[in-house]
PDB file of all heavy atoms in Angstrom:
ATOM      1  N   ALA A   1    -141.912 -39.771-223.189  1.00  0.00           N
ATOM      2  CA  ALA A   1    -141.919 -41.254-223.083  1.00  0.00           C
ATOM      3  C   ALA A   1    -143.096 -41.719-223.872  1.00  0.00           C
ATOM      4  O   ALA A   1    -144.210 -41.131-223.846  1.00  0.00           O
ATOM      5  CB  ALA A   1    -141.954 -41.680-221.652  1.00  0.00           C
ATOM      6  N   GLY A   2    -143.002 -42.883-224.512  1.00  0.00           N
ATOM      7  CA  GLY A   2    -144.021 -43.378-225.368  1.00  0.00           C
ATOM      8  C   GLY A   2    -145.172 -44.161-224.752  1.00  0.00           C
ATOM      9  O   GLY A   2    -146.183 -44.357-225.320  1.00  0.00           O
ATOM     10  N   SER A   3    -144.907 -44.643-223.527  1.00  0.00           N
ATOM     11  CA  SER A   3    -145.881 -45.452-222.854  1.00  0.00           C
ATOM     12  C   SER A   3    -146.175 -44.925-221.432  1.00  0.00           C
ATOM     13  O   SER A   3    -145.307 -44.233-220.894  1.00  0.00           O
ATOM     14  CB  SER A   3    -145.543 -46.945-222.768  1.00  0.00           C
ATOM     15  OG  SER A   3    -144.491 -47.035-221.825  1.00  0.00           O
ATOM     16  N   VAL A   4    -147.365 -45.193-221.011  1.00  0.00           N
ATOM     17  CA  VAL A   4    -147.782 -44.775-219.641  1.00  0.00           C
ATOM     18  C   VAL A   4    -146.880 -45.470-218.622  1.00  0.00           C
ATOM     19  O   VAL A   4    -146.414 -44.909-217.661  1.00  0.00           O
ATOM     20  CB  VAL A   4    -149.251 -45.037-219.414  1.00  0.00           C
ATOM     21  CG1 VAL A   4    -149.605 -44.914-217.942  1.00  0.00           C
ATOM     22  CG2 VAL A   4    -150.086 -44.125-220.234  1.00  0.00           C
ATOM     23  N   ALA A   5    -146.535 -46.735-218.896  1.00  0.00           N
ATOM     24  CA  ALA A   5    -145.749 -47.536-217.938  1.00  0.00           C
ATOM     25  C   ALA A   5    -144.370 -46.867-217.771  1.00  0.00           C
ATOM     26  O   ALA A   5    -143.814 -46.741-216.688  1.00  0.00           O
ATOM     27  CB  ALA A   5    -145.577 -48.925-218.428  1.00  0.00           C
ATOM     28  N   LEU A   6    -143.779 -46.474-218.870  1.00  0.00           N
ATOM     29  CA  LEU A   6    -142.493 -45.724-218.862  1.00  0.00           C
ATOM     30  C   LEU A   6    -142.546 -44.392-218.144  1.00  0.00           C
ATOM     31  O   LEU A   6    -141.700 -43.988-217.386  1.00  0.00           O
ATOM     32  CB  LEU A   6    -141.846 -45.700-220.254  1.00  0.00           C
ATOM     33  CG  LEU A   6    -140.459 -45.083-220.313  1.00  0.00           C
ATOM     34  CD1 LEU A   6    -139.439 -45.770-219.419  1.00  0.00           C
ATOM     35  CD2 LEU A   6    -139.933 -45.029-221.742  1.00  0.00           C
ATOM     36  N   LYS A   7    -143.605 -43.658-218.519  1.00  0.00           N
ATOM     37  CA  LYS A   7    -143.804 -42.338-217.862  1.00  0.00           C
ATOM     38  C   LYS A   7    -143.887 -42.505-216.361  1.00  0.00           C
ATOM     39  O   LYS A   7    -143.281 -41.797-215.629  1.00  0.00           O
ATOM     40  CB  LYS A   7    -145.091 -41.709-218.341  1.00  0.00           C
ATOM     41  CG  LYS A   7    -145.065 -41.125-219.711  1.00  0.00           C
ATOM     42  CD  LYS A   7    -146.365 -40.561-220.150  1.00  0.00           C
ATOM     43  CE  LYS A   7    -146.340 -40.038-221.568  1.00  0.00           C
ATOM     44  NZ  LYS A   7    -145.519 -38.778-221.700  1.00  0.00           N
ATOM     45  N   LEU A   8    -144.651 -43.530-215.865  1.00  0.00           N
ATOM     46  CA  LEU A   8    -144.739 -43.790-214.466  1.00  0.00           C
ATOM     47  C   LEU A   8    -143.404 -44.127-213.816  1.00  0.00           C
ATOM     48  O   LEU A   8    -143.023 -43.802-212.681  1.00  0.00           O
ATOM     49  CB  LEU A   8    -145.868 -44.772-214.128  1.00  0.00           C
ATOM     50  CG  LEU A   8    -147.272 -44.262-214.564  1.00  0.00           C
ATOM     51  CD1 LEU A   8    -148.302 -45.366-214.351  1.00  0.00           C
ATOM     52  CD2 LEU A   8    -147.654 -43.102-213.712  1.00  0.00           C
ATOM     53  N   ALA A   9    -142.630 -45.058-214.496  1.00  0.00           N
ATOM     54  CA  ALA A   9    -141.366 -45.413-214.029  1.00  0.00           C
ATOM     55  C   ALA A   9    -140.409 -44.316-213.895  1.00  0.00           C
ATOM     56  O   ALA A   9    -139.664 -44.132-212.926  1.00  0.00           O
ATOM     57  CB  ALA A   9    -140.787 -46.516-215.027  1.00  0.00           C
ATOM     58  N   LEU A  10    -140.426 -43.426-214.888  1.00  0.00           N
ATOM     59  CA  LEU A  10    -139.552 -42.271-214.859  1.00  0.00           C
ATOM     60  C   LEU A  10    -139.997 -41.218-213.752  1.00  0.00           C
ATOM     61  O   LEU A  10    -139.178 -40.640-213.044  1.00  0.00           O
ATOM     62  CB  LEU A  10    -139.594 -41.502-216.169  1.00  0.00           C
ATOM     63  CG  LEU A  10    -138.875 -42.199-217.360  1.00  0.00           C
ATOM     64  CD1 LEU A  10    -139.190 -41.659-218.682  1.00  0.00           C
ATOM     65  CD2 LEU A  10    -137.374 -42.257-217.033  1.00  0.00           C
ATOM     66  N   ALA A  11    -141.329 -41.178-213.526  1.00  0.00           N
ATOM     67  CA  ALA A  11    -141.764 -40.288-212.468  1.00  0.00           C
ATOM     68  C   ALA A  11    -141.292 -40.898-211.069  1.00  0.00           C
ATOM     69  O   ALA A  11    -140.856 -40.041-210.213  1.00  0.00           O
ATOM     70  CB  ALA A  11    -143.344 -40.224-212.429  1.00  0.00           C
ATOM     71  N   ARG A  12    -141.438 -42.192-210.938  1.00  0.00           N
ATOM     72  CA  ARG A  12    -140.878 -42.796-209.656  1.00  0.00           C
ATOM     73  C   ARG A  12    -139.417 -42.594-209.487  1.00  0.00           C
ATOM     74  O   ARG A  12    -138.976 -42.209-208.390  1.00  0.00           O
ATOM     75  CB  ARG A  12    -141.328 -44.256-209.630  1.00  0.00           C
ATOM     76  CG  ARG A  12    -142.667 -44.568-209.303  1.00  0.00           C
ATOM     77  CD  ARG A  12    -142.947 -46.057-209.028  1.00  0.00           C
ATOM     78  NE  ARG A  12    -142.623 -46.909-210.224  1.00  0.00           N
ATOM     79  CZ  ARG A  12    -143.481 -47.092-211.205  1.00  0.00           C
ATOM     80  NH1 ARG A  12    -144.698 -46.671-211.128  1.00  0.00           N
ATOM     81  NH2 ARG A  12    -143.152 -47.936-212.264  1.00  0.00           N
ATOM     82  N   GLN A  13    -138.710 -42.687-210.631  1.00  0.00           N
ATOM     83  CA  GLN A  13    -137.262 -42.546-210.541  1.00  0.00           C
ATOM     84  C   GLN A  13    -136.929 -41.068-210.097  1.00  0.00           C
ATOM     85  O   GLN A  13    -136.037 -40.906-209.233  1.00  0.00           O
ATOM     86  CB  GLN A  13    -136.646 -42.771-211.882  1.00  0.00           C
ATOM     87  CG  GLN A  13    -135.117 -42.752-211.876  1.00  0.00           C
ATOM     88  CD  GLN A  13    -134.446 -43.844-211.137  1.00  0.00           C
ATOM     89  OE1 GLN A  13    -134.971 -44.900-211.007  1.00  0.00           O
ATOM     90  NE2 GLN A  13    -133.262 -43.516-210.493  1.00  0.00           N
ATOM     91  N   ALA A  14    -137.607 -40.108-210.720  1.00  0.00           N
ATOM     92  CA  ALA A  14    -137.284 -38.753-210.410  1.00  0.00           C
ATOM     93  C   ALA A  14    -137.611 -38.526-208.910  1.00  0.00           C
ATOM     94  O   ALA A  14    -136.801 -37.855-208.201  1.00  0.00           O
ATOM     95  CB  ALA A  14    -138.164 -37.780-211.191  1.00  0.00           C
ATOM     96  N   GLY A  15    -138.661 -39.018-208.407  1.00  0.00           N
ATOM     97  CA  GLY A  15    -139.009 -38.861-207.040  1.00  0.00           C
ATOM     98  C   GLY A  15    -138.041 -39.602-206.093  1.00  0.00           C
ATOM     99  O   GLY A  15    -137.694 -39.051-205.060  1.00  0.00           O
ATOM    100  N   ASP A  16    -137.559 -40.772-206.476  1.00  0.00           N
ATOM    101  CA  ASP A  16    -136.569 -41.501-205.701  1.00  0.00           C
ATOM    102  C   ASP A  16    -135.378 -40.668-205.527  1.00  0.00           C
ATOM    103  O   ASP A  16    -134.783 -40.649-204.448  1.00  0.00           O
ATOM    104  CB  ASP A  16    -136.280 -42.853-206.305  1.00  0.00           C
ATOM    105  CG  ASP A  16    -137.441 -43.948-206.136  1.00  0.00           C
ATOM    106  OD1 ASP A  16    -138.328 -43.562-205.277  1.00  0.00           O
ATOM    107  OD2 ASP A  16    -137.337 -44.921-206.725  1.00  0.00           O
ATOM    108  N   GLU A  17    -134.848 -40.136-206.637  1.00  0.00           N
ATOM    109  CA  GLU A  17    -133.618 -39.334-206.625  1.00  0.00           C
ATOM    110  C   GLU A  17    -133.805 -38.108-205.777  1.00  0.00           C
ATOM    111  O   GLU A  17    -132.891 -37.668-205.034  1.00  0.00           O
ATOM    112  CB  GLU A  17    -133.215 -38.986-208.045  1.00  0.00           C
ATOM    113  CG  GLU A  17    -133.020 -40.127-209.003  1.00  0.00           C
ATOM    114  CD  GLU A  17    -132.010 -41.249-208.463  1.00  0.00           C
ATOM    115  OE1 GLU A  17    -131.162 -40.984-207.669  1.00  0.00           O
ATOM    116  OE2 GLU A  17    -132.176 -42.406-208.956  1.00  0.00           O
ATOM    117  N   ALA A  18    -134.990 -37.559-205.807  1.00  0.00           N
ATOM    118  CA  ALA A  18    -135.289 -36.328-204.926  1.00  0.00           C
ATOM    119  C   ALA A  18    -135.219 -36.688-203.454  1.00  0.00           C
ATOM    120  O   ALA A  18    -134.716 -35.957-202.667  1.00  0.00           O
ATOM    121  CB  ALA A  18    -136.573 -35.738-205.314  1.00  0.00           C
ATOM    122  N   LYS A  19    -135.732 -37.927-203.149  1.00  0.00           N
ATOM    123  CA  LYS A  19    -135.603 -38.442-201.766  1.00  0.00           C
ATOM    124  C   LYS A  19    -134.183 -38.581-201.372  1.00  0.00           C
ATOM    125  O   LYS A  19    -133.778 -38.263-200.231  1.00  0.00           O
ATOM    126  CB  LYS A  19    -136.442 -39.684-201.611  1.00  0.00           C
ATOM    127  CG  LYS A  19    -137.957 -39.535-201.658  1.00  0.00           C
ATOM    128  CD  LYS A  19    -138.613 -40.871-201.634  1.00  0.00           C
ATOM    129  CE  LYS A  19    -140.020 -40.759-201.973  1.00  0.00           C
ATOM    130  NZ  LYS A  19    -140.695 -42.128-202.082  1.00  0.00           N
ATOM    131  N   HIS A  20    -133.433 -39.165-202.236  1.00  0.00           N
ATOM    132  CA  HIS A  20    -131.984 -39.315-201.978  1.00  0.00           C
ATOM    133  C   HIS A  20    -131.344 -38.083-201.697  1.00  0.00           C
ATOM    134  O   HIS A  20    -130.510 -37.814-200.740  1.00  0.00           O
ATOM    135  CB  HIS A  20    -131.309 -40.062-203.144  1.00  0.00           C
ATOM    136  CG  HIS A  20    -131.819 -41.382-203.480  1.00  0.00           C
ATOM    137  ND1 HIS A  20    -131.692 -41.986-204.662  1.00  0.00           N
ATOM    138  CD2 HIS A  20    -132.567 -42.281-202.712  1.00  0.00           C
ATOM    139  CE1 HIS A  20    -132.219 -43.245-204.691  1.00  0.00           C
ATOM    140  NE2 HIS A  20    -132.826 -43.389-203.510  1.00  0.00           N
ATOM    141  N   TYR A  21    -131.648 -37.080-202.503  1.00  0.00           N
ATOM    142  CA  TYR A  21    -131.102 -35.768-202.359  1.00  0.00           C
ATOM    143  C   TYR A  21    -131.327 -35.182-200.914  1.00  0.00           C
ATOM    144  O   TYR A  21    -130.493 -34.725-200.193  1.00  0.00           O
ATOM    145  CB  TYR A  21    -131.728 -34.719-203.404  1.00  0.00           C
ATOM    146  CG  TYR A  21    -130.975 -33.401-203.402  1.00  0.00           C
ATOM    147  CD1 TYR A  21    -130.015 -33.140-204.288  1.00  0.00           C
ATOM    148  CD2 TYR A  21    -131.412 -32.406-202.494  1.00  0.00           C
ATOM    149  CE1 TYR A  21    -129.315 -31.870-204.300  1.00  0.00           C
ATOM    150  CE2 TYR A  21    -130.832 -31.158-202.525  1.00  0.00           C
ATOM    151  CZ  TYR A  21    -129.808 -30.907-203.376  1.00  0.00           C
ATOM    152  OH  TYR A  21    -129.232 -29.714-203.402  1.00  0.00           O
ATOM    153  N   ALA A  22    -132.676 -35.325-200.530  1.00  0.00           N
ATOM    154  CA  ALA A  22    -133.023 -34.841-199.195  1.00  0.00           C
ATOM    155  C   ALA A  22    -132.332 -35.565-198.100  1.00  0.00           C
ATOM    156  O   ALA A  22    -131.914 -34.852-197.123  1.00  0.00           O
ATOM    157  CB  ALA A  22    -134.565 -34.950-199.059  1.00  0.00           C
ATOM    158  N   ARG A  23    -132.135 -36.791-198.233  1.00  0.00           N
ATOM    159  CA  ARG A  23    -131.399 -37.602-197.203  1.00  0.00           C
ATOM    160  C   ARG A  23    -129.959 -37.116-197.105  1.00  0.00           C
ATOM    161  O   ARG A  23    -129.460 -37.045-195.981  1.00  0.00           O
ATOM    162  CB  ARG A  23    -131.501 -39.054-197.469  1.00  0.00           C
ATOM    163  CG  ARG A  23    -132.881 -39.673-197.257  1.00  0.00           C
ATOM    164  CD  ARG A  23    -132.920 -41.147-197.436  1.00  0.00           C
ATOM    165  NE  ARG A  23    -134.299 -41.608-197.363  1.00  0.00           N
ATOM    166  CZ  ARG A  23    -134.805 -42.527-198.126  1.00  0.00           C
ATOM    167  NH1 ARG A  23    -134.118 -43.106-199.087  1.00  0.00           N
ATOM    168  NH2 ARG A  23    -136.017 -42.932-197.918  1.00  0.00           N
ATOM    169  N   ILE A  24    -129.357 -36.916-198.214  1.00  0.00           N
ATOM    170  CA  ILE A  24    -127.930 -36.472-198.210  1.00  0.00           C
ATOM    171  C   ILE A  24    -127.829 -35.089-197.664  1.00  0.00           C
ATOM    172  O   ILE A  24    -126.985 -34.787-196.862  1.00  0.00           O
ATOM    173  CB  ILE A  24    -127.353 -36.549-199.651  1.00  0.00           C
ATOM    174  CG1 ILE A  24    -127.197 -37.918-200.040  1.00  0.00           C
ATOM    175  CG2 ILE A  24    -125.972 -35.808-199.645  1.00  0.00           C
ATOM    176  CD1 ILE A  24    -126.943 -38.128-201.619  1.00  0.00           C
ATOM    177  N   GLU A  25    -128.815 -34.238-198.039  1.00  0.00           N
ATOM    178  CA  GLU A  25    -128.858 -32.901-197.554  1.00  0.00           C
ATOM    179  C   GLU A  25    -128.948 -32.914-195.973  1.00  0.00           C
ATOM    180  O   GLU A  25    -128.354 -32.181-195.218  1.00  0.00           O
ATOM    181  CB  GLU A  25    -129.978 -32.161-198.154  1.00  0.00           C
ATOM    182  CG  GLU A  25    -129.990 -30.656-198.081  1.00  0.00           C
ATOM    183  CD  GLU A  25    -131.105 -30.075-198.814  1.00  0.00           C
ATOM    184  OE1 GLU A  25    -132.240 -30.433-198.750  1.00  0.00           O
ATOM    185  OE2 GLU A  25    -130.793 -29.141-199.595  1.00  0.00           O
ATOM    186  N   GLU A  26    -129.814 -33.839-195.447  1.00  0.00           N
ATOM    187  CA  GLU A  26    -129.954 -33.924-193.998  1.00  0.00           C
ATOM    188  C   GLU A  26    -128.721 -34.382-193.369  1.00  0.00           C
ATOM    189  O   GLU A  26    -128.447 -33.842-192.285  1.00  0.00           O
ATOM    190  CB  GLU A  26    -131.170 -34.961-193.795  1.00  0.00           C
ATOM    191  CG  GLU A  26    -131.478 -35.204-192.367  1.00  0.00           C
ATOM    192  CD  GLU A  26    -132.507 -36.296-192.174  1.00  0.00           C
ATOM    193  OE1 GLU A  26    -133.489 -36.372-193.044  1.00  0.00           O
ATOM    194  OE2 GLU A  26    -132.459 -36.999-191.143  1.00  0.00           O
ATOM    195  N   ARG A  27    -128.060 -35.387-193.976  1.00  0.00           N
ATOM    196  CA  ARG A  27    -126.839 -35.852-193.331  1.00  0.00           C
ATOM    197  C   ARG A  27    -125.756 -34.710-193.312  1.00  0.00           C
ATOM    198  O   ARG A  27    -124.985 -34.628-192.359  1.00  0.00           O
ATOM    199  CB  ARG A  27    -126.344 -37.073-194.162  1.00  0.00           C
ATOM    200  CG  ARG A  27    -125.076 -37.568-193.630  1.00  0.00           C
ATOM    201  CD  ARG A  27    -125.181 -38.153-192.234  1.00  0.00           C
ATOM    202  NE  ARG A  27    -123.958 -38.604-191.712  1.00  0.00           N
ATOM    203  CZ  ARG A  27    -123.486 -38.425-190.449  1.00  0.00           C
ATOM    204  NH1 ARG A  27    -124.238 -37.796-189.586  1.00  0.00           N
ATOM    205  NH2 ARG A  27    -122.380 -38.950-190.072  1.00  0.00           N
ATOM    206  N   LEU A  28    -125.707 -33.935-194.421  1.00  0.00           N
ATOM    207  CA  LEU A  28    -124.794 -32.835-194.369  1.00  0.00           C
ATOM    208  C   LEU A  28    -125.027 -31.877-193.277  1.00  0.00           C
ATOM    209  O   LEU A  28    -124.085 -31.418-192.651  1.00  0.00           O
ATOM    210  CB  LEU A  28    -124.796 -32.096-195.758  1.00  0.00           C
ATOM    211  CG  LEU A  28    -123.970 -32.747-196.923  1.00  0.00           C
ATOM    212  CD1 LEU A  28    -124.409 -32.262-198.273  1.00  0.00           C
ATOM    213  CD2 LEU A  28    -122.545 -32.676-196.645  1.00  0.00           C
ATOM    214  N   ARG A  29    -126.234 -31.560-193.033  1.00  0.00           N
ATOM    215  CA  ARG A  29    -126.617 -30.678-191.932  1.00  0.00           C
ATOM    216  C   ARG A  29    -126.226 -31.289-190.550  1.00  0.00           C
ATOM    217  O   ARG A  29    -125.758 -30.549-189.665  1.00  0.00           O
ATOM    218  CB  ARG A  29    -128.036 -30.298-191.969  1.00  0.00           C
ATOM    219  CG  ARG A  29    -128.451 -29.356-193.119  1.00  0.00           C
ATOM    220  CD  ARG A  29    -129.829 -28.795-192.978  1.00  0.00           C
ATOM    221  NE  ARG A  29    -130.043 -27.794-194.014  1.00  0.00           N
ATOM    222  CZ  ARG A  29    -130.590 -28.047-195.174  1.00  0.00           C
ATOM    223  NH1 ARG A  29    -131.114 -29.234-195.383  1.00  0.00           N
ATOM    224  NH2 ARG A  29    -130.742 -27.103-196.054  1.00  0.00           N
ATOM    225  N   GLU A  30    -126.446 -32.593-190.430  1.00  0.00           N
ATOM    226  CA  GLU A  30    -126.042 -33.295-189.244  1.00  0.00           C
ATOM    227  C   GLU A  30    -124.551 -33.122-188.988  1.00  0.00           C
ATOM    228  O   GLU A  30    -124.053 -33.082-187.880  1.00  0.00           O
ATOM    229  CB  GLU A  30    -126.385 -34.762-189.322  1.00  0.00           C
ATOM    230  CG  GLU A  30    -127.888 -35.112-189.170  1.00  0.00           C
ATOM    231  CD  GLU A  30    -128.231 -36.584-189.446  1.00  0.00           C
ATOM    232  OE1 GLU A  30    -127.322 -37.361-189.781  1.00  0.00           O
ATOM    233  OE2 GLU A  30    -129.360 -36.844-189.404  1.00  0.00           O
ATOM    234  N   LEU A  31    -123.743 -33.129-190.109  1.00  0.00           N
ATOM    235  CA  LEU A  31    -122.315 -32.988-189.975  1.00  0.00           C
ATOM    236  C   LEU A  31    -121.857 -31.534-189.867  1.00  0.00           C
ATOM    237  O   LEU A  31    -120.683 -31.247-189.779  1.00  0.00           O
ATOM    238  CB  LEU A  31    -121.632 -33.569-191.296  1.00  0.00           C
ATOM    239  CG  LEU A  31    -121.860 -35.039-191.445  1.00  0.00           C
ATOM    240  CD1 LEU A  31    -121.317 -35.519-192.803  1.00  0.00           C
ATOM    241  CD2 LEU A  31    -121.102 -35.805-190.364  1.00  0.00           C
ATOM    242  N   GLY A  32    -122.869 -30.634-189.836  1.00  0.00           N
ATOM    243  CA  GLY A  32    -122.506 -29.231-189.577  1.00  0.00           C
ATOM    244  C   GLY A  32    -122.201 -28.389-190.789  1.00  0.00           C
ATOM    245  O   GLY A  32    -121.819 -27.254-190.695  1.00  0.00           O
ATOM    246  N   ASP A  33    -122.593 -28.992-191.950  1.00  0.00           N
ATOM    247  CA  ASP A  33    -122.409 -28.219-193.276  1.00  0.00           C
ATOM    248  C   ASP A  33    -123.582 -27.205-193.394  1.00  0.00           C
ATOM    249  O   ASP A  33    -124.704 -27.585-193.369  1.00  0.00           O
ATOM    250  CB  ASP A  33    -122.398 -29.233-194.361  1.00  0.00           C
ATOM    251  CG  ASP A  33    -121.871 -28.598-195.664  1.00  0.00           C
ATOM    252  OD1 ASP A  33    -121.346 -27.447-195.569  1.00  0.00           O
ATOM    253  OD2 ASP A  33    -122.069 -29.176-196.732  1.00  0.00           O
ATOM    254  N   ASP A  34    -123.203 -26.025-193.658  1.00  0.00           N
ATOM    255  CA  ASP A  34    -124.176 -24.979-193.921  1.00  0.00           C
ATOM    256  C   ASP A  34    -124.406 -24.923-195.416  1.00  0.00           C
ATOM    257  O   ASP A  34    -123.486 -24.491-196.175  1.00  0.00           O
ATOM    258  CB  ASP A  34    -123.742 -23.556-193.435  1.00  0.00           C
ATOM    259  CG  ASP A  34    -124.667 -22.519-193.706  1.00  0.00           C
ATOM    260  OD1 ASP A  34    -125.845 -22.782-194.107  1.00  0.00           O
ATOM    261  OD2 ASP A  34    -124.307 -21.366-193.459  1.00  0.00           O
ATOM    262  N   LEU A  35    -125.550 -25.313-195.846  1.00  0.00           N
ATOM    263  CA  LEU A  35    -125.873 -25.415-197.321  1.00  0.00           C
ATOM    264  C   LEU A  35    -126.514 -24.033-197.846  1.00  0.00           C
ATOM    265  O   LEU A  35    -126.910 -24.127-199.043  1.00  0.00           O
ATOM    266  CB  LEU A  35    -126.744 -26.582-197.649  1.00  0.00           C
ATOM    267  CG  LEU A  35    -126.057 -27.956-197.414  1.00  0.00           C
ATOM    268  CD1 LEU A  35    -127.093 -29.008-197.490  1.00  0.00           C
ATOM    269  CD2 LEU A  35    -124.912 -28.179-198.329  1.00  0.00           C
ATOM    270  N   ALA A  36    -126.521 -23.061-197.066  1.00  0.00           N
ATOM    271  CA  ALA A  36    -127.122 -21.798-197.521  1.00  0.00           C
ATOM    272  C   ALA A  36    -126.424 -21.336-198.686  1.00  0.00           C
ATOM    273  O   ALA A  36    -125.156 -21.135-198.714  1.00  0.00           O
ATOM    274  CB  ALA A  36    -127.056 -20.781-196.343  1.00  0.00           C
ATOM    275  N   GLY A  37    -127.058 -21.071-199.813  1.00  0.00           N
ATOM    276  CA  GLY A  37    -126.384 -20.597-200.941  1.00  0.00           C
ATOM    277  C   GLY A  37    -125.707 -21.654-201.867  1.00  0.00           C
ATOM    278  O   GLY A  37    -125.190 -21.313-202.968  1.00  0.00           O
ATOM    279  N   PHE A  38    -125.705 -22.859-201.408  1.00  0.00           N
ATOM    280  CA  PHE A  38    -125.063 -23.971-202.122  1.00  0.00           C
ATOM    281  C   PHE A  38    -125.996 -24.362-203.332  1.00  0.00           C
ATOM    282  O   PHE A  38    -127.126 -24.646-203.131  1.00  0.00           O
ATOM    283  CB  PHE A  38    -124.722 -25.188-201.286  1.00  0.00           C
ATOM    284  CG  PHE A  38    -124.234 -26.335-202.028  1.00  0.00           C
ATOM    285  CD1 PHE A  38    -122.933 -26.269-202.639  1.00  0.00           C
ATOM    286  CD2 PHE A  38    -124.956 -27.501-202.180  1.00  0.00           C
ATOM    287  CE1 PHE A  38    -122.472 -27.383-203.321  1.00  0.00           C
ATOM    288  CE2 PHE A  38    -124.540 -28.578-202.898  1.00  0.00           C
ATOM    289  CZ  PHE A  38    -123.233 -28.475-203.471  1.00  0.00           C
ATOM    290  N   ASN A  39    -125.392 -24.358-204.501  1.00  0.00           N
ATOM    291  CA  ASN A  39    -126.054 -24.831-205.698  1.00  0.00           C
ATOM    292  C   ASN A  39    -125.177 -25.946-206.346  1.00  0.00           C
ATOM    293  O   ASN A  39    -124.176 -25.726-206.819  1.00  0.00           O
ATOM    294  CB  ASN A  39    -126.202 -23.722-206.734  1.00  0.00           C
ATOM    295  CG  ASN A  39    -126.916 -24.157-208.047  1.00  0.00           C
ATOM    296  OD1 ASN A  39    -127.181 -25.317-208.172  1.00  0.00           O
ATOM    297  ND2 ASN A  39    -127.066 -23.249-208.913  1.00  0.00           N
ATOM    298  N   PRO A  40    -125.755 -27.197-206.160  1.00  0.00           N
ATOM    299  CA  PRO A  40    -124.902 -28.290-206.734  1.00  0.00           C
ATOM    300  C   PRO A  40    -124.665 -28.265-208.252  1.00  0.00           C
ATOM    301  O   PRO A  40    -123.749 -28.902-208.727  1.00  0.00           O
ATOM    302  CB  PRO A  40    -125.728 -29.573-206.389  1.00  0.00           C
ATOM    303  CG  PRO A  40    -127.100 -29.036-206.223  1.00  0.00           C
ATOM    304  CD  PRO A  40    -126.982 -27.639-205.697  1.00  0.00           C
ATOM    305  N   LEU A  41    -125.450 -27.455-208.972  1.00  0.00           N
ATOM    306  CA  LEU A  41    -125.279 -27.322-210.442  1.00  0.00           C
ATOM    307  C   LEU A  41    -124.589 -26.058-210.828  1.00  0.00           C
ATOM    308  O   LEU A  41    -124.515 -25.732-212.014  1.00  0.00           O
ATOM    309  CB  LEU A  41    -126.662 -27.381-211.055  1.00  0.00           C
ATOM    310  CG  LEU A  41    -127.308 -28.719-210.821  1.00  0.00           C
ATOM    311  CD1 LEU A  41    -128.766 -28.617-211.390  1.00  0.00           C
ATOM    312  CD2 LEU A  41    -126.648 -29.908-211.392  1.00  0.00           C
ATOM    313  N   ALA A  42    -123.952 -25.304-209.844  1.00  0.00           N
ATOM    314  CA  ALA A  42    -123.319 -24.025-210.213  1.00  0.00           C
ATOM    315  C   ALA A  42    -122.246 -24.149-211.220  1.00  0.00           C
ATOM    316  O   ALA A  42    -121.962 -23.262-211.950  1.00  0.00           O
ATOM    317  CB  ALA A  42    -122.722 -23.430-208.880  1.00  0.00           C
TER     318      ALA A  42
END
């Protein structure tokens, strides 16, 4: 990224998406889904 502002925005975005991932993962566990060995990019 060419600017510090854009770099920081992208860093925040990556972090936000990681938080979303963790929340969905938590919900799946609440629903009884065993995610052991699960790779979403398989």
